N, C-alpha and C. Protein backbone atom coordinates (compact mmCIF):
# COMPACT_ATOMS: atom_id res chain seq x y z
N MET A 1 4.84 52.86 -37.64
CA MET A 1 5.43 52.10 -36.57
C MET A 1 6.40 52.96 -35.78
N GLU A 2 6.34 52.81 -34.48
CA GLU A 2 7.29 53.51 -33.63
C GLU A 2 8.64 52.80 -33.67
N THR A 3 9.64 53.46 -33.15
CA THR A 3 10.96 52.84 -33.08
C THR A 3 10.84 51.56 -32.25
N PRO A 4 11.34 50.45 -32.78
CA PRO A 4 11.19 49.18 -32.04
C PRO A 4 12.07 49.15 -30.80
N LYS A 5 11.61 48.39 -29.81
CA LYS A 5 12.38 48.19 -28.58
C LYS A 5 13.55 47.24 -28.85
N THR A 6 13.31 46.24 -29.70
CA THR A 6 14.31 45.22 -29.98
C THR A 6 14.46 45.03 -31.48
N HIS A 7 15.69 44.88 -31.92
CA HIS A 7 15.99 44.65 -33.34
C HIS A 7 16.82 43.36 -33.40
N ILE A 8 16.33 42.39 -34.17
CA ILE A 8 17.06 41.14 -34.38
C ILE A 8 17.78 41.25 -35.71
N LEU A 9 19.09 41.13 -35.67
CA LEU A 9 19.91 41.20 -36.87
C LEU A 9 20.37 39.79 -37.21
N VAL A 10 20.09 39.36 -38.43
CA VAL A 10 20.47 38.02 -38.89
C VAL A 10 21.53 38.16 -39.96
N CYS A 11 22.69 37.55 -39.73
CA CYS A 11 23.77 37.63 -40.71
C CYS A 11 23.37 36.91 -41.99
N ALA A 12 23.45 37.63 -43.09
CA ALA A 12 23.16 37.04 -44.40
C ALA A 12 24.42 36.90 -45.24
N SER A 13 25.56 37.23 -44.67
CA SER A 13 26.87 37.03 -45.29
C SER A 13 27.13 37.87 -46.53
N PHE A 14 26.36 38.93 -46.75
CA PHE A 14 26.60 39.76 -47.93
C PHE A 14 27.93 40.48 -47.82
N ARG A 15 28.65 40.51 -48.93
CA ARG A 15 29.92 41.20 -49.02
C ARG A 15 29.69 42.56 -49.70
N PRO A 16 30.68 43.45 -49.66
CA PRO A 16 30.49 44.77 -50.29
C PRO A 16 30.05 44.70 -51.75
N SER A 17 30.42 43.64 -52.43
CA SER A 17 30.02 43.50 -53.84
C SER A 17 28.55 43.13 -53.98
N GLY A 18 27.91 42.78 -52.86
CA GLY A 18 26.52 42.35 -52.90
C GLY A 18 26.37 40.85 -52.97
N GLU A 19 27.50 40.16 -53.15
CA GLU A 19 27.48 38.70 -53.24
C GLU A 19 27.39 38.10 -51.84
N ALA A 20 26.54 37.09 -51.70
CA ALA A 20 26.41 36.39 -50.42
C ALA A 20 27.39 35.23 -50.38
N LYS A 21 28.26 35.23 -49.40
CA LYS A 21 29.24 34.16 -49.19
C LYS A 21 29.27 33.88 -47.70
N GLY A 22 29.99 32.88 -47.32
CA GLY A 22 30.20 32.63 -45.90
C GLY A 22 29.27 31.59 -45.32
N LYS A 23 29.59 31.22 -44.09
CA LYS A 23 28.90 30.13 -43.43
C LYS A 23 27.43 30.44 -43.15
N CYS A 24 27.11 31.64 -42.74
CA CYS A 24 25.71 31.96 -42.43
C CYS A 24 24.84 31.77 -43.66
N HIS A 25 25.29 32.28 -44.78
CA HIS A 25 24.54 32.14 -46.03
C HIS A 25 24.43 30.67 -46.42
N ARG A 26 25.53 29.94 -46.35
CA ARG A 26 25.53 28.52 -46.72
C ARG A 26 24.65 27.69 -45.79
N LYS A 27 24.47 28.15 -44.57
CA LYS A 27 23.60 27.44 -43.62
C LYS A 27 22.18 28.02 -43.63
N ASN A 28 21.85 28.72 -44.73
CA ASN A 28 20.47 29.15 -45.01
C ASN A 28 19.92 30.17 -44.02
N SER A 29 20.74 31.07 -43.56
CA SER A 29 20.26 32.09 -42.62
C SER A 29 19.12 32.93 -43.21
N LEU A 30 19.17 33.19 -44.51
CA LEU A 30 18.10 33.98 -45.13
C LEU A 30 16.75 33.27 -45.10
N GLU A 31 16.78 31.95 -45.11
CA GLU A 31 15.52 31.21 -45.04
C GLU A 31 14.86 31.33 -43.67
N PHE A 32 15.62 31.73 -42.65
CA PHE A 32 15.05 31.91 -41.32
C PHE A 32 14.29 33.22 -41.18
N LEU A 33 14.55 34.19 -42.05
CA LEU A 33 13.91 35.50 -41.90
C LEU A 33 12.39 35.42 -41.91
N PRO A 34 11.76 34.74 -42.89
CA PRO A 34 10.29 34.66 -42.85
C PRO A 34 9.79 33.93 -41.61
N TYR A 35 10.52 32.91 -41.18
CA TYR A 35 10.10 32.19 -39.98
C TYR A 35 10.13 33.12 -38.76
N ILE A 36 11.22 33.85 -38.60
CA ILE A 36 11.34 34.78 -37.47
C ILE A 36 10.24 35.83 -37.54
N GLU A 37 10.05 36.40 -38.72
CA GLU A 37 9.02 37.44 -38.88
C GLU A 37 7.64 36.91 -38.52
N ASN A 38 7.31 35.72 -38.99
CA ASN A 38 6.00 35.13 -38.68
C ASN A 38 5.86 34.83 -37.20
N GLU A 39 6.92 34.35 -36.57
CA GLU A 39 6.89 34.08 -35.13
C GLU A 39 6.68 35.37 -34.34
N ILE A 40 7.36 36.44 -34.76
CA ILE A 40 7.20 37.73 -34.09
C ILE A 40 5.74 38.18 -34.16
N ILE A 41 5.14 38.02 -35.33
CA ILE A 41 3.73 38.41 -35.52
C ILE A 41 2.83 37.50 -34.69
N ASP A 42 3.03 36.19 -34.79
CA ASP A 42 2.19 35.23 -34.07
C ASP A 42 2.25 35.43 -32.56
N ARG A 43 3.41 35.84 -32.06
CA ARG A 43 3.59 36.04 -30.63
C ARG A 43 3.13 37.43 -30.18
N GLY A 44 2.75 38.28 -31.12
CA GLY A 44 2.33 39.63 -30.77
C GLY A 44 3.45 40.51 -30.27
N MET A 45 4.66 40.25 -30.75
CA MET A 45 5.82 41.02 -30.32
C MET A 45 5.93 42.28 -31.19
N GLU A 46 5.07 43.22 -30.92
CA GLU A 46 4.94 44.41 -31.77
C GLU A 46 6.13 45.34 -31.68
N ASP A 47 6.94 45.21 -30.65
CA ASP A 47 8.09 46.10 -30.47
C ASP A 47 9.40 45.45 -30.90
N VAL A 48 9.31 44.41 -31.77
CA VAL A 48 10.48 43.69 -32.26
C VAL A 48 10.46 43.67 -33.79
N VAL A 49 11.60 43.94 -34.40
CA VAL A 49 11.74 43.84 -35.86
C VAL A 49 12.96 42.96 -36.17
N VAL A 50 12.98 42.42 -37.39
CA VAL A 50 14.09 41.58 -37.83
C VAL A 50 14.63 42.11 -39.15
N SER A 51 15.95 42.06 -39.31
CA SER A 51 16.60 42.51 -40.54
C SER A 51 17.78 41.61 -40.85
N SER A 52 18.09 41.49 -42.14
CA SER A 52 19.30 40.78 -42.53
C SER A 52 20.44 41.79 -42.61
N THR A 53 21.67 41.29 -42.52
CA THR A 53 22.83 42.17 -42.51
C THR A 53 23.90 41.70 -43.49
N CYS A 54 24.89 42.53 -43.66
CA CYS A 54 26.12 42.10 -44.33
C CYS A 54 26.84 41.16 -43.38
N CYS A 55 27.98 40.69 -43.77
CA CYS A 55 28.75 39.76 -42.95
C CYS A 55 29.05 40.38 -41.58
N LEU A 56 28.78 39.62 -40.53
CA LEU A 56 29.06 40.09 -39.17
C LEU A 56 30.42 39.64 -38.66
N LYS A 57 31.21 39.03 -39.55
CA LYS A 57 32.61 38.65 -39.26
C LYS A 57 32.73 37.60 -38.15
N MET A 58 31.74 36.74 -38.03
CA MET A 58 31.77 35.64 -37.05
C MET A 58 31.48 34.33 -37.77
N CYS A 59 32.07 34.17 -38.94
CA CYS A 59 31.75 33.04 -39.83
C CYS A 59 31.87 31.68 -39.17
N ASP A 60 32.85 31.49 -38.32
CA ASP A 60 33.03 30.19 -37.70
C ASP A 60 31.90 29.85 -36.73
N GLU A 61 31.10 30.83 -36.37
CA GLU A 61 30.00 30.63 -35.42
C GLU A 61 28.63 30.62 -36.09
N GLY A 62 28.58 30.73 -37.41
CA GLY A 62 27.33 30.93 -38.12
C GLY A 62 26.38 29.76 -38.10
N PRO A 63 25.14 30.06 -38.36
CA PRO A 63 24.52 31.36 -38.53
C PRO A 63 24.50 32.18 -37.23
N VAL A 64 24.65 33.48 -37.40
CA VAL A 64 24.75 34.41 -36.28
C VAL A 64 23.55 35.35 -36.26
N MET A 65 23.05 35.60 -35.04
CA MET A 65 21.99 36.58 -34.80
C MET A 65 22.46 37.52 -33.70
N VAL A 66 22.11 38.79 -33.82
CA VAL A 66 22.43 39.77 -32.77
C VAL A 66 21.13 40.40 -32.30
N ILE A 67 20.98 40.50 -30.99
CA ILE A 67 19.82 41.15 -30.40
C ILE A 67 20.26 42.54 -29.97
N TYR A 68 19.66 43.53 -30.58
CA TYR A 68 20.01 44.93 -30.33
C TYR A 68 18.83 45.61 -29.66
N PRO A 69 18.98 46.45 -28.71
CA PRO A 69 20.20 47.10 -28.24
C PRO A 69 20.92 46.35 -27.11
N ASP A 70 20.49 45.14 -26.80
CA ASP A 70 21.07 44.40 -25.68
C ASP A 70 22.47 43.88 -25.95
N ASN A 71 22.91 43.90 -27.21
CA ASN A 71 24.24 43.43 -27.60
C ASN A 71 24.46 41.97 -27.21
N ILE A 72 23.44 41.15 -27.47
CA ILE A 72 23.55 39.72 -27.23
C ILE A 72 23.78 39.06 -28.58
N TRP A 73 24.89 38.36 -28.71
CA TRP A 73 25.25 37.68 -29.94
C TRP A 73 25.01 36.19 -29.77
N TYR A 74 24.29 35.62 -30.72
CA TYR A 74 24.02 34.19 -30.72
C TYR A 74 24.64 33.56 -31.96
N GLY A 75 25.20 32.37 -31.80
CA GLY A 75 25.79 31.65 -32.91
C GLY A 75 25.28 30.23 -32.99
N ARG A 76 25.55 29.61 -34.13
CA ARG A 76 25.09 28.25 -34.39
C ARG A 76 23.57 28.15 -34.29
N VAL A 77 22.90 29.20 -34.76
CA VAL A 77 21.43 29.23 -34.77
C VAL A 77 21.00 28.56 -36.07
N GLU A 78 20.91 27.23 -36.03
CA GLU A 78 20.75 26.44 -37.25
C GLU A 78 19.37 25.82 -37.41
N THR A 79 18.49 25.97 -36.42
CA THR A 79 17.18 25.33 -36.50
C THR A 79 16.08 26.29 -36.05
N GLU A 80 14.85 25.94 -36.42
CA GLU A 80 13.71 26.72 -35.94
C GLU A 80 13.57 26.59 -34.43
N ALA A 81 13.94 25.43 -33.87
CA ALA A 81 13.89 25.25 -32.42
C ALA A 81 14.83 26.22 -31.72
N ALA A 82 16.01 26.46 -32.29
CA ALA A 82 16.95 27.42 -31.72
C ALA A 82 16.35 28.83 -31.76
N ILE A 83 15.73 29.15 -32.88
CA ILE A 83 15.09 30.47 -33.00
C ILE A 83 13.97 30.60 -31.97
N ASP A 84 13.18 29.54 -31.82
CA ASP A 84 12.10 29.58 -30.83
C ASP A 84 12.66 29.82 -29.42
N ASP A 85 13.76 29.15 -29.09
CA ASP A 85 14.39 29.36 -27.78
C ASP A 85 14.80 30.81 -27.59
N ILE A 86 15.38 31.40 -28.62
CA ILE A 86 15.83 32.78 -28.54
C ILE A 86 14.65 33.74 -28.43
N LEU A 87 13.60 33.51 -29.21
CA LEU A 87 12.41 34.37 -29.11
C LEU A 87 11.74 34.20 -27.75
N ASP A 88 11.69 32.97 -27.23
CA ASP A 88 11.16 32.75 -25.88
C ASP A 88 11.95 33.56 -24.87
N SER A 89 13.27 33.57 -25.04
CA SER A 89 14.12 34.29 -24.08
C SER A 89 13.87 35.79 -24.14
N LEU A 90 13.58 36.31 -25.33
CA LEU A 90 13.24 37.73 -25.44
C LEU A 90 11.97 38.04 -24.67
N GLU A 91 11.01 37.15 -24.76
CA GLU A 91 9.75 37.35 -24.05
C GLU A 91 9.93 37.21 -22.53
N ASP A 92 10.85 36.33 -22.12
CA ASP A 92 11.06 36.05 -20.70
C ASP A 92 12.12 36.93 -20.06
N GLY A 93 12.84 37.71 -20.87
CA GLY A 93 13.90 38.57 -20.34
C GLY A 93 15.13 37.81 -19.88
N ARG A 94 15.47 36.75 -20.60
CA ARG A 94 16.65 35.97 -20.23
C ARG A 94 17.53 35.77 -21.47
N ILE A 95 18.67 35.10 -21.28
CA ILE A 95 19.62 34.82 -22.35
C ILE A 95 19.72 33.31 -22.52
N VAL A 96 19.80 32.84 -23.75
CA VAL A 96 19.97 31.42 -24.03
C VAL A 96 21.47 31.15 -24.12
N GLU A 97 22.02 30.66 -23.02
CA GLU A 97 23.47 30.46 -22.94
C GLU A 97 23.97 29.45 -23.95
N GLU A 98 23.14 28.49 -24.34
CA GLU A 98 23.54 27.45 -25.29
C GLU A 98 24.05 28.03 -26.62
N TYR A 99 23.49 29.15 -27.04
CA TYR A 99 23.86 29.76 -28.33
C TYR A 99 24.65 31.05 -28.18
N ARG A 100 24.78 31.54 -26.97
CA ARG A 100 25.44 32.83 -26.76
C ARG A 100 26.91 32.78 -27.13
N LEU A 101 27.37 33.82 -27.82
CA LEU A 101 28.78 33.93 -28.19
C LEU A 101 29.50 34.82 -27.20
């Protein structure tokens, strides 16, 4: 695989000890990873990858996603519908203001 054009980072609330704590983890952010990955594949978004991260220090806004390299931070991404909106925006070249931090 070539270097991806877009990288979606999903906060998994991991701390340096490896323990998952925080709002993103409690709101099941890790359960969204397979959904996002499958949507990326289904949509044919070959230049997009998704990864989980340590705590992104935005706990009050969780679950949090960051779109890199565009530096777009999304918060309160709590449903598959929210993820669909964000993925649609990536395809359309726009920002979903409803979730933008």
